[in-house]
Amino acid sequence: MQKIEYSIMALEDLESIKEKISLNNGNNTALKVLRKIIKDIKVLELFPFSGVNLGKLIDVSTDYRYIFIEKNYVFYRVENDKVKIIRIINERQDYIIQLFNN
């Protein structure tokens, strides 16, 4: 079983998601969405390669994979005995710019 680890950016993404949903739909809805995202990410502990290989979809060599949860793309890498969550990006954002334009 893999261990889930969040990057600082992914934690900031979760906080941003919480703030936006709280502002528009209330704190209870925001917490419900965050619980769903975190619960679905935990599935990667057992099935780390279940996400789509991003490198096969774009013209950039990458070992990133992704899953789609609650209107957000969750980008991650499998690293030895852990799954590192890199970013959690809303479907309306350009994920290529967010991931590769540092």
PDB file of N, CA and C in Angstrom:
ATOM      1  N   MET A   1       0.844  -1.185   0.000  1.00  0.00           N
ATOM      2  CA  MET A   1       0.000   0.000   0.000  1.00  0.00           C
ATOM      3  C   MET A   1       0.888   1.247   0.000  1.00  0.00           C
ATOM      4  N   GLN A   2       0.539   2.183  -0.852  1.00  0.00           N
ATOM      5  CA  GLN A   2       1.276   3.437  -0.986  1.00  0.00           C
ATOM      6  C   GLN A   2       0.841   4.436   0.097  1.00  0.00           C
ATOM      7  N   LYS A   3       1.737   5.327   0.420  1.00  0.00           N
ATOM      8  CA  LYS A   3       1.417   6.419   1.345  1.00  0.00           C
ATOM      9  C   LYS A   3       1.104   7.658   0.500  1.00  0.00           C
ATOM     10  N   ILE A   4       0.083   8.418   0.908  1.00  0.00           N
ATOM     11  CA  ILE A   4      -0.266   9.663   0.204  1.00  0.00           C
ATOM     12  C   ILE A   4       0.503  10.811   0.837  1.00  0.00           C
ATOM     13  N   GLU A   5       1.126  11.620  -0.010  1.00  0.00           N
ATOM     14  CA  GLU A   5       1.836  12.813   0.454  1.00  0.00           C
ATOM     15  C   GLU A   5       1.404  13.993  -0.414  1.00  0.00           C
ATOM     16  N   TYR A   6       1.111  15.120   0.220  1.00  0.00           N
ATOM     17  CA  TYR A   6       0.661  16.318  -0.497  1.00  0.00           C
ATOM     18  C   TYR A   6       1.797  17.319  -0.608  1.00  0.00           C
ATOM     19  N   SER A   7       1.968  17.894  -1.785  1.00  0.00           N
ATOM     20  CA  SER A   7       2.923  18.991  -1.942  1.00  0.00           C
ATOM     21  C   SER A   7       2.337  20.244  -1.293  1.00  0.00           C
ATOM     22  N   ILE A   8       3.161  21.217  -1.058  1.00  0.00           N
ATOM     23  CA  ILE A   8       2.694  22.492  -0.496  1.00  0.00           C
ATOM     24  C   ILE A   8       1.672  23.127  -1.426  1.00  0.00           C
ATOM     25  N   MET A   9       1.928  23.064  -2.727  1.00  0.00           N
ATOM     26  CA  MET A   9       0.985  23.643  -3.704  1.00  0.00           C
ATOM     27  C   MET A   9      -0.361  22.934  -3.648  1.00  0.00           C
ATOM     28  N   ALA A  10      -0.364  21.623  -3.493  1.00  0.00           N
ATOM     29  CA  ALA A  10      -1.622  20.873  -3.423  1.00  0.00           C
ATOM     30  C   ALA A  10      -2.406  21.265  -2.173  1.00  0.00           C
ATOM     31  N   LEU A  11      -1.717  21.446  -1.061  1.00  0.00           N
ATOM     32  CA  LEU A  11      -2.390  21.892   0.169  1.00  0.00           C
ATOM     33  C   LEU A  11      -2.971  23.294  -0.008  1.00  0.00           C
ATOM     34  N   GLU A  12      -2.229  24.155  -0.682  1.00  0.00           N
ATOM     35  CA  GLU A  12      -2.744  25.497  -0.982  1.00  0.00           C
ATOM     36  C   GLU A  12      -3.945  25.420  -1.912  1.00  0.00           C
ATOM     37  N   ASP A  13      -3.905  24.502  -2.870  1.00  0.00           N
ATOM     38  CA  ASP A  13      -5.044  24.309  -3.777  1.00  0.00           C
ATOM     39  C   ASP A  13      -6.286  23.889  -2.998  1.00  0.00           C
ATOM     40  N   LEU A  14      -6.126  22.962  -2.053  1.00  0.00           N
ATOM     41  CA  LEU A  14      -7.264  22.530  -1.237  1.00  0.00           C
ATOM     42  C   LEU A  14      -7.838  23.686  -0.434  1.00  0.00           C
ATOM     43  N   GLU A  15      -6.966  24.493   0.130  1.00  0.00           N
ATOM     44  CA  GLU A  15      -7.426  25.659   0.904  1.00  0.00           C
ATOM     45  C   GLU A  15      -8.176  26.639   0.003  1.00  0.00           C
ATOM     46  N   SER A  16      -7.671  26.851  -1.190  1.00  0.00           N
ATOM     47  CA  SER A  16      -8.321  27.745  -2.143  1.00  0.00           C
ATOM     48  C   SER A  16      -9.701  27.215  -2.551  1.00  0.00           C
ATOM     49  N   ILE A  17      -9.785  25.920  -2.795  1.00  0.00           N
ATOM     50  CA  ILE A  17     -11.073  25.300  -3.136  1.00  0.00           C
ATOM     51  C   ILE A  17     -12.060  25.510  -2.003  1.00  0.00           C
ATOM     52  N   LYS A  18     -11.604  25.279  -0.788  1.00  0.00           N
ATOM     53  CA  LYS A  18     -12.464  25.447   0.391  1.00  0.00           C
ATOM     54  C   LYS A  18     -12.971  26.887   0.494  1.00  0.00           C
ATOM     55  N   GLU A  19     -12.071  27.844   0.318  1.00  0.00           N
ATOM     56  CA  GLU A  19     -12.456  29.260   0.419  1.00  0.00           C
ATOM     57  C   GLU A  19     -13.479  29.643  -0.644  1.00  0.00           C
ATOM     58  N   LYS A  20     -13.240  29.239  -1.884  1.00  0.00           N
ATOM     59  CA  LYS A  20     -14.151  29.594  -2.974  1.00  0.00           C
ATOM     60  C   LYS A  20     -15.532  28.983  -2.780  1.00  0.00           C
ATOM     61  N   ILE A  21     -15.569  27.712  -2.400  1.00  0.00           N
ATOM     62  CA  ILE A  21     -16.864  27.062  -2.209  1.00  0.00           C
ATOM     63  C   ILE A  21     -17.575  27.639  -0.996  1.00  0.00           C
ATOM     64  N   SER A  22     -16.850  27.903   0.071  1.00  0.00           N
ATOM     65  CA  SER A  22     -17.454  28.503   1.273  1.00  0.00           C
ATOM     66  C   SER A  22     -18.087  29.846   0.943  1.00  0.00           C
ATOM     67  N   LEU A  23     -17.385  30.645   0.170  1.00  0.00           N
ATOM     68  CA  LEU A  23     -17.874  31.971  -0.206  1.00  0.00           C
ATOM     69  C   LEU A  23     -19.158  31.884  -1.024  1.00  0.00           C
ATOM     70  N   ASN A  24     -19.195  30.940  -1.956  1.00  0.00           N
ATOM     71  CA  ASN A  24     -20.341  30.829  -2.867  1.00  0.00           C
ATOM     72  C   ASN A  24     -21.477  29.930  -2.361  1.00  0.00           C
ATOM     73  N   ASN A  25     -21.129  28.895  -1.597  1.00  0.00           N
ATOM     74  CA  ASN A  25     -22.131  27.896  -1.236  1.00  0.00           C
ATOM     75  C   ASN A  25     -22.194  27.553   0.251  1.00  0.00           C
ATOM     76  N   GLY A  26     -21.367  28.177   1.050  1.00  0.00           N
ATOM     77  CA  GLY A  26     -21.387  27.924   2.487  1.00  0.00           C
ATOM     78  C   GLY A  26     -20.329  26.929   2.933  1.00  0.00           C
ATOM     79  N   ASN A  27     -20.014  27.002   4.211  1.00  0.00           N
ATOM     80  CA  ASN A  27     -18.953  26.189   4.795  1.00  0.00           C
ATOM     81  C   ASN A  27     -19.282  24.700   4.777  1.00  0.00           C
ATOM     82  N   ASN A  28     -20.539  24.337   5.026  1.00  0.00           N
ATOM     83  CA  ASN A  28     -20.916  22.914   5.029  1.00  0.00           C
ATOM     84  C   ASN A  28     -20.684  22.267   3.669  1.00  0.00           C
ATOM     85  N   THR A  29     -21.048  22.959   2.616  1.00  0.00           N
ATOM     86  CA  THR A  29     -20.833  22.441   1.263  1.00  0.00           C
ATOM     87  C   THR A  29     -19.346  22.316   0.971  1.00  0.00           C
ATOM     88  N   ALA A  30     -18.574  23.318   1.377  1.00  0.00           N
ATOM     89  CA  ALA A  30     -17.125  23.286   1.162  1.00  0.00           C
ATOM     90  C   ALA A  30     -16.494  22.090   1.862  1.00  0.00           C
ATOM     91  N   LEU A  31     -16.882  21.844   3.099  1.00  0.00           N
ATOM     92  CA  LEU A  31     -16.336  20.708   3.838  1.00  0.00           C
ATOM     93  C   LEU A  31     -16.727  19.381   3.208  1.00  0.00           C
ATOM     94  N   LYS A  32     -17.951  19.306   2.701  1.00  0.00           N
ATOM     95  CA  LYS A  32     -18.423  18.083   2.037  1.00  0.00           C
ATOM     96  C   LYS A  32     -17.590  17.808   0.781  1.00  0.00           C
ATOM     97  N   VAL A  33     -17.324  18.849  -0.003  1.00  0.00           N
ATOM     98  CA  VAL A  33     -16.522  18.692  -1.226  1.00  0.00           C
ATOM     99  C   VAL A  33     -15.093  18.286  -0.874  1.00  0.00           C
ATOM    100  N   LEU A  34     -14.499  18.926   0.136  1.00  0.00           N
ATOM    101  CA  LEU A  34     -13.133  18.573   0.533  1.00  0.00           C
ATOM    102  C   LEU A  34     -13.049  17.131   1.024  1.00  0.00           C
ATOM    103  N   ARG A  35     -14.025  16.706   1.804  1.00  0.00           N
ATOM    104  CA  ARG A  35     -14.037  15.316   2.265  1.00  0.00           C
ATOM    105  C   ARG A  35     -14.083  14.344   1.084  1.00  0.00           C
ATOM    106  N   LYS A  36     -14.881  14.665   0.083  1.00  0.00           N
ATOM    107  CA  LYS A  36     -15.006  13.817  -1.108  1.00  0.00           C
ATOM    108  C   LYS A  36     -13.673  13.759  -1.870  1.00  0.00           C
ATOM    109  N   ILE A  37     -13.038  14.915  -2.027  1.00  0.00           N
ATOM    110  CA  ILE A  37     -11.750  14.954  -2.736  1.00  0.00           C
ATOM    111  C   ILE A  37     -10.723  14.102  -1.995  1.00  0.00           C
ATOM    112  N   ILE A  38     -10.615  14.298  -0.691  1.00  0.00           N
ATOM    113  CA  ILE A  38      -9.621  13.572   0.101  1.00  0.00           C
ATOM    114  C   ILE A  38      -9.921  12.074   0.121  1.00  0.00           C
ATOM    115  N   LYS A  39     -11.190  11.727   0.229  1.00  0.00           N
ATOM    116  CA  LYS A  39     -11.591  10.315   0.226  1.00  0.00           C
ATOM    117  C   LYS A  39     -11.217   9.649  -1.105  1.00  0.00           C
ATOM    118  N   ASP A  40     -11.488  10.331  -2.206  1.00  0.00           N
ATOM    119  CA  ASP A  40     -11.171   9.761  -3.522  1.00  0.00           C
ATOM    120  C   ASP A  40      -9.662   9.688  -3.759  1.00  0.00           C
ATOM    121  N   ILE A  41      -8.919  10.641  -3.219  1.00  0.00           N
ATOM    122  CA  ILE A  41      -7.459  10.595  -3.327  1.00  0.00           C
ATOM    123  C   ILE A  41      -6.921   9.379  -2.571  1.00  0.00           C
ATOM    124  N   LYS A  42      -7.512   9.058  -1.431  1.00  0.00           N
ATOM    125  CA  LYS A  42      -7.050   7.913  -0.626  1.00  0.00           C
ATOM    126  C   LYS A  42      -7.138   6.590  -1.389  1.00  0.00           C
ATOM    127  N   VAL A  43      -8.001   6.513  -2.389  1.00  0.00           N
ATOM    128  CA  VAL A  43      -8.095   5.296  -3.213  1.00  0.00           C
ATOM    129  C   VAL A  43      -6.755   5.016  -3.892  1.00  0.00           C
ATOM    130  N   LEU A  44      -5.980   6.070  -4.135  1.00  0.00           N
ATOM    131  CA  LEU A  44      -4.676   5.910  -4.779  1.00  0.00           C
ATOM    132  C   LEU A  44      -3.700   5.129  -3.906  1.00  0.00           C
ATOM    133  N   GLU A  45      -3.963   5.034  -2.608  1.00  0.00           N
ATOM    134  CA  GLU A  45      -3.112   4.209  -1.739  1.00  0.00           C
ATOM    135  C   GLU A  45      -3.123   2.759  -2.214  1.00  0.00           C
ATOM    136  N   LEU A  46      -4.273   2.289  -2.621  1.00  0.00           N
ATOM    137  CA  LEU A  46      -4.409   0.906  -3.081  1.00  0.00           C
ATOM    138  C   LEU A  46      -4.206   0.749  -4.584  1.00  0.00           C
ATOM    139  N   PHE A  47      -4.582   1.768  -5.343  1.00  0.00           N
ATOM    140  CA  PHE A  47      -4.520   1.695  -6.807  1.00  0.00           C
ATOM    141  C   PHE A  47      -3.775   2.915  -7.362  1.00  0.00           C
ATOM    142  N   PRO A  48      -2.474   3.020  -7.119  1.00  0.00           N
ATOM    143  CA  PRO A  48      -1.732   4.215  -7.498  1.00  0.00           C
ATOM    144  C   PRO A  48      -1.664   4.483  -9.006  1.00  0.00           C
ATOM    145  N   PHE A  49      -1.815   3.452  -9.814  1.00  0.00           N
ATOM    146  CA  PHE A  49      -1.732   3.643 -11.261  1.00  0.00           C
ATOM    147  C   PHE A  49      -3.105   3.709 -11.927  1.00  0.00           C
ATOM    148  N   SER A  50      -4.138   3.947 -11.130  1.00  0.00           N
ATOM    149  CA  SER A  50      -5.494   3.990 -11.680  1.00  0.00           C
ATOM    150  C   SER A  50      -5.781   5.283 -12.429  1.00  0.00           C
ATOM    151  N   GLY A  51      -5.010   6.320 -12.190  1.00  0.00           N
ATOM    152  CA  GLY A  51      -5.211   7.581 -12.892  1.00  0.00           C
ATOM    153  C   GLY A  51      -4.680   7.532 -14.314  1.00  0.00           C
ATOM    154  N   VAL A  52      -5.102   8.499 -15.085  1.00  0.00           N
ATOM    155  CA  VAL A  52      -4.692   8.613 -16.492  1.00  0.00           C
ATOM    156  C   VAL A  52      -3.254   9.120 -16.559  1.00  0.00           C
ATOM    157  N   ASN A  53      -2.458   8.536 -17.435  1.00  0.00           N
ATOM    158  CA  ASN A  53      -1.084   8.970 -17.648  1.00  0.00           C
ATOM    159  C   ASN A  53      -1.104  10.249 -18.498  1.00  0.00           C
ATOM    160  N   LEU A  54      -0.763  11.375 -17.894  1.00  0.00           N
ATOM    161  CA  LEU A  54      -0.816  12.666 -18.577  1.00  0.00           C
ATOM    162  C   LEU A  54       0.141  12.722 -19.767  1.00  0.00           C
ATOM    163  N   GLY A  55       1.282  12.071 -19.666  1.00  0.00           N
ATOM    164  CA  GLY A  55       2.269  12.086 -20.743  1.00  0.00           C
ATOM    165  C   GLY A  55       1.749  11.528 -22.061  1.00  0.00           C
ATOM    166  N   LYS A  56       0.721  10.687 -22.012  1.00  0.00           N
ATOM    167  CA  LYS A  56       0.147  10.120 -23.233  1.00  0.00           C
ATOM    168  C   LYS A  56      -0.856  11.073 -23.890  1.00  0.00           C
ATOM    169  N   LEU A  57      -1.260  12.120 -23.180  1.00  0.00           N
ATOM    170  CA  LEU A  57      -2.263  13.043 -23.713  1.00  0.00           C
ATOM    171  C   LEU A  57      -1.678  14.348 -24.253  1.00  0.00           C
ATOM    172  N   ILE A  58      -0.489  14.694 -23.797  1.00  0.00           N
ATOM    173  CA  ILE A  58       0.105  15.978 -24.186  1.00  0.00           C
ATOM    174  C   ILE A  58       1.487  15.737 -24.786  1.00  0.00           C
ATOM    175  N   ASP A  59       2.031  16.773 -25.400  1.00  0.00           N
ATOM    176  CA  ASP A  59       3.350  16.665 -26.027  1.00  0.00           C
ATOM    177  C   ASP A  59       4.474  17.058 -25.074  1.00  0.00           C
ATOM    178  N   VAL A  60       4.309  16.763 -23.800  1.00  0.00           N
ATOM    179  CA  VAL A  60       5.324  17.052 -22.795  1.00  0.00           C
ATOM    180  C   VAL A  60       5.658  15.738 -22.094  1.00  0.00           C
ATOM    181  N   SER A  61       6.936  15.437 -21.994  1.00  0.00           N
ATOM    182  CA  SER A  61       7.340  14.226 -21.296  1.00  0.00           C
ATOM    183  C   SER A  61       7.149  14.439 -19.795  1.00  0.00           C
ATOM    184  N   THR A  62       6.322  13.617 -19.191  1.00  0.00           N
ATOM    185  CA  THR A  62       6.036  13.744 -17.760  1.00  0.00           C
ATOM    186  C   THR A  62       5.612  12.407 -17.185  1.00  0.00           C
ATOM    187  N   ASP A  63       5.864  12.248 -15.903  1.00  0.00           N
ATOM    188  CA  ASP A  63       5.393  11.047 -15.218  1.00  0.00           C
ATOM    189  C   ASP A  63       4.144  11.337 -14.386  1.00  0.00           C
ATOM    190  N   TYR A  64       3.529  12.494 -14.618  1.00  0.00           N
ATOM    191  CA  TYR A  64       2.300  12.845 -13.901  1.00  0.00           C
ATOM    192  C   TYR A  64       1.145  11.963 -14.362  1.00  0.00           C
ATOM    193  N   ARG A  65       0.288  11.674 -13.418  1.00  0.00           N
ATOM    194  CA  ARG A  65      -0.975  11.000 -13.684  1.00  0.00           C
ATOM    195  C   ARG A  65      -2.055  11.898 -13.106  1.00  0.00           C
ATOM    196  N   TYR A  66      -3.309  11.655 -13.468  1.00  0.00           N
ATOM    197  CA  TYR A  66      -4.370  12.459 -12.860  1.00  0.00           C
ATOM    198  C   TYR A  66      -5.659  11.664 -12.714  1.00  0.00           C
ATOM    199  N   ILE A  67      -6.447  12.131 -11.747  1.00  0.00           N
ATOM    200  CA  ILE A  67      -7.818  11.668 -11.566  1.00  0.00           C
ATOM    201  C   ILE A  67      -8.689  12.916 -11.525  1.00  0.00           C
ATOM    202  N   PHE A  68      -9.961  12.751 -11.793  1.00  0.00           N
ATOM    203  CA  PHE A  68     -10.895  13.881 -11.832  1.00  0.00           C
ATOM    204  C   PHE A  68     -11.899  13.713 -10.699  1.00  0.00           C
ATOM    205  N   ILE A  69     -11.970  14.725  -9.807  1.00  0.00           N
ATOM    206  CA  ILE A  69     -12.855  14.658  -8.644  1.00  0.00           C
ATOM    207  C   ILE A  69     -13.525  16.013  -8.441  1.00  0.00           C
ATOM    208  N   GLU A  70     -14.840  16.025  -8.348  1.00  0.00           N
ATOM    209  CA  GLU A  70     -15.578  17.246  -7.986  1.00  0.00           C
ATOM    210  C   GLU A  70     -15.126  18.472  -8.788  1.00  0.00           C
ATOM    211  N   LYS A  71     -15.092  18.340 -10.099  1.00  0.00           N
ATOM    212  CA  LYS A  71     -14.726  19.420 -11.019  1.00  0.00           C
ATOM    213  C   LYS A  71     -13.269  19.851 -10.911  1.00  0.00           C
ATOM    214  N   ASN A  72     -12.422  18.973 -10.376  1.00  0.00           N
ATOM    215  CA  ASN A  72     -10.999  19.274 -10.222  1.00  0.00           C
ATOM    216  C   ASN A  72     -10.146  18.122 -10.726  1.00  0.00           C
ATOM    217  N   TYR A  73      -9.045  18.482 -11.371  1.00  0.00           N
ATOM    218  CA  TYR A  73      -8.046  17.505 -11.767  1.00  0.00           C
ATOM    219  C   TYR A  73      -7.044  17.385 -10.628  1.00  0.00           C
ATOM    220  N   VAL A  74      -6.791  16.165 -10.184  1.00  0.00           N
ATOM    221  CA  VAL A  74      -5.804  15.910  -9.149  1.00  0.00           C
ATOM    222  C   VAL A  74      -4.597  15.286  -9.837  1.00  0.00           C
ATOM    223  N   PHE A  75      -3.502  16.041  -9.899  1.00  0.00           N
ATOM    224  CA  PHE A  75      -2.286  15.579 -10.558  1.00  0.00           C
ATOM    225  C   PHE A  75      -1.347  15.002  -9.513  1.00  0.00           C
ATOM    226  N   TYR A  76      -0.757  13.851  -9.847  1.00  0.00           N
ATOM    227  CA  TYR A  76       0.113  13.182  -8.892  1.00  0.00           C
ATOM    228  C   TYR A  76       1.195  12.394  -9.615  1.00  0.00           C
ATOM    229  N   ARG A  77       2.187  11.976  -8.828  1.00  0.00           N
ATOM    230  CA  ARG A  77       3.256  11.101  -9.302  1.00  0.00           C
ATOM    231  C   ARG A  77       3.378   9.935  -8.341  1.00  0.00           C
ATOM    232  N   VAL A  78       3.685   8.770  -8.871  1.00  0.00           N
ATOM    233  CA  VAL A  78       3.975   7.615  -8.038  1.00  0.00           C
ATOM    234  C   VAL A  78       5.490   7.589  -7.843  1.00  0.00           C
ATOM    235  N   GLU A  79       5.913   7.673  -6.581  1.00  0.00           N
ATOM    236  CA  GLU A  79       7.335   7.726  -6.239  1.00  0.00           C
ATOM    237  C   GLU A  79       7.654   6.624  -5.241  1.00  0.00           C
ATOM    238  N   ASN A  80       8.238   5.538  -5.721  1.00  0.00           N
ATOM    239  CA  ASN A  80       8.593   4.396  -4.867  1.00  0.00           C
ATOM    240  C   ASN A  80       7.408   3.941  -4.024  1.00  0.00           C
ATOM    241  N   ASP A  81       7.424   4.238  -2.721  1.00  0.00           N
ATOM    242  CA  ASP A  81       6.372   3.753  -1.826  1.00  0.00           C
ATOM    243  C   ASP A  81       5.337   4.821  -1.485  1.00  0.00           C
ATOM    244  N   LYS A  82       5.282   5.898  -2.285  1.00  0.00           N
ATOM    245  CA  LYS A  82       4.301   6.942  -1.999  1.00  0.00           C
ATOM    246  C   LYS A  82       3.674   7.489  -3.273  1.00  0.00           C
ATOM    247  N   VAL A  83       2.521   8.094  -3.088  1.00  0.00           N
ATOM    248  CA  VAL A  83       1.833   8.829  -4.148  1.00  0.00           C
ATOM    249  C   VAL A  83       1.900  10.288  -3.740  1.00  0.00           C
ATOM    250  N   LYS A  84       2.583  11.087  -4.536  1.00  0.00           N
ATOM    251  CA  LYS A  84       2.751  12.501  -4.220  1.00  0.00           C
ATOM    252  C   LYS A  84       1.720  13.306  -5.005  1.00  0.00           C
ATOM    253  N   ILE A  85       0.819  13.959  -4.273  1.00  0.00           N
ATOM    254  CA  ILE A  85      -0.184  14.814  -4.897  1.00  0.00           C
ATOM    255  C   ILE A  85       0.505  16.139  -5.203  1.00  0.00           C
ATOM    256  N   ILE A  86       0.571  16.483  -6.485  1.00  0.00           N
ATOM    257  CA  ILE A  86       1.313  17.660  -6.935  1.00  0.00           C
ATOM    258  C   ILE A  86       0.433  18.898  -6.939  1.00  0.00           C
ATOM    259  N   ARG A  87      -0.714  18.824  -7.594  1.00  0.00           N
ATOM    260  CA  ARG A  87      -1.630  19.962  -7.695  1.00  0.00           C
ATOM    261  C   ARG A  87      -3.055  19.452  -7.781  1.00  0.00           C
ATOM    262  N   ILE A  88      -3.989  20.319  -7.395  1.00  0.00           N
ATOM    263  CA  ILE A  88      -5.421  20.065  -7.544  1.00  0.00           C
ATOM    264  C   ILE A  88      -5.973  21.298  -8.241  1.00  0.00           C
ATOM    265  N   ILE A  89      -6.314  21.143  -9.519  1.00  0.00           N
ATOM    266  CA  ILE A  89      -6.615  22.289 -10.387  1.00  0.00           C
ATOM    267  C   ILE A  89      -8.038  22.186 -10.914  1.00  0.00           C
ATOM    268  N   ASN A  90      -8.775  23.272 -10.793  1.00  0.00           N
ATOM    269  CA  ASN A  90     -10.162  23.326 -11.250  1.00  0.00           C
ATOM    270  C   ASN A  90     -10.232  23.100 -12.756  1.00  0.00           C
ATOM    271  N   GLU A  91     -11.305  22.455 -13.181  1.00  0.00           N
ATOM    272  CA  GLU A  91     -11.489  22.125 -14.594  1.00  0.00           C
ATOM    273  C   GLU A  91     -11.512  23.354 -15.504  1.00  0.00           C
ATOM    274  N   ARG A  92     -11.826  24.526 -14.972  1.00  0.00           N
ATOM    275  CA  ARG A  92     -11.889  25.740 -15.789  1.00  0.00           C
ATOM    276  C   ARG A  92     -10.527  26.401 -15.977  1.00  0.00           C
ATOM    277  N   GLN A  93      -9.535  25.953 -15.234  1.00  0.00           N
ATOM    278  CA  GLN A  93      -8.199  26.516 -15.365  1.00  0.00           C
ATOM    279  C   GLN A  93      -7.399  25.746 -16.415  1.00  0.00           C
ATOM    280  N   ASP A  94      -6.399  26.394 -16.970  1.00  0.00           N
ATOM    281  CA  ASP A  94      -5.507  25.749 -17.924  1.00  0.00           C
ATOM    282  C   ASP A  94      -4.457  24.968 -17.129  1.00  0.00           C
ATOM    283  N   TYR A  95      -4.647  23.670 -17.010  1.00  0.00           N
ATOM    284  CA  TYR A  95      -3.753  22.879 -16.170  1.00  0.00           C
ATOM    285  C   TYR A  95      -2.334  22.809 -16.718  1.00  0.00           C
ATOM    286  N   ILE A  96      -2.155  22.934 -18.023  1.00  0.00           N
ATOM    287  CA  ILE A  96      -0.812  22.908 -18.607  1.00  0.00           C
ATOM    288  C   ILE A  96       0.003  24.090 -18.078  1.00  0.00           C
ATOM    289  N   ILE A  97      -0.590  25.265 -18.095  1.00  0.00           N
ATOM    290  CA  ILE A  97       0.097  26.457 -17.571  1.00  0.00           C
ATOM    291  C   ILE A  97       0.348  26.303 -16.075  1.00  0.00           C
ATOM    292  N   GLN A  98      -0.646  25.811 -15.347  1.00  0.00           N
ATOM    293  CA  GLN A  98      -0.505  25.655 -13.892  1.00  0.00           C
ATOM    294  C   GLN A  98       0.586  24.641 -13.538  1.00  0.00           C
ATOM    295  N   LEU A  99       0.715  23.577 -14.292  1.00  0.00           N
ATOM    296  CA  LEU A  99       1.679  22.532 -13.972  1.00  0.00           C
ATOM    297  C   LEU A  99       3.096  22.828 -14.447  1.00  0.00           C
ATOM    298  N   PHE A 100       3.216  23.399 -15.635  1.00  0.00           N
ATOM    299  CA  PHE A 100       4.526  23.473 -16.269  1.00  0.00           C
ATOM    300  C   PHE A 100       5.078  24.876 -16.444  1.00  0.00           C
ATOM    301  N   ASN A 101       4.355  25.889 -16.053  1.00  0.00           N
ATOM    302  CA  ASN A 101       4.796  27.271 -16.226  1.00  0.00           C
ATOM    303  C   ASN A 101       5.134  27.871 -14.871  1.00  0.00           C
ATOM    304  N   ASN A 102       6.220  27.417 -14.274  1.00  0.00           N
ATOM    305  CA  ASN A 102       6.607  27.904 -12.941  1.00  0.00           C
ATOM    306  C   ASN A 102       7.301  29.217 -13.039  1.00  0.00           C
TER     307      ASN A 102
END
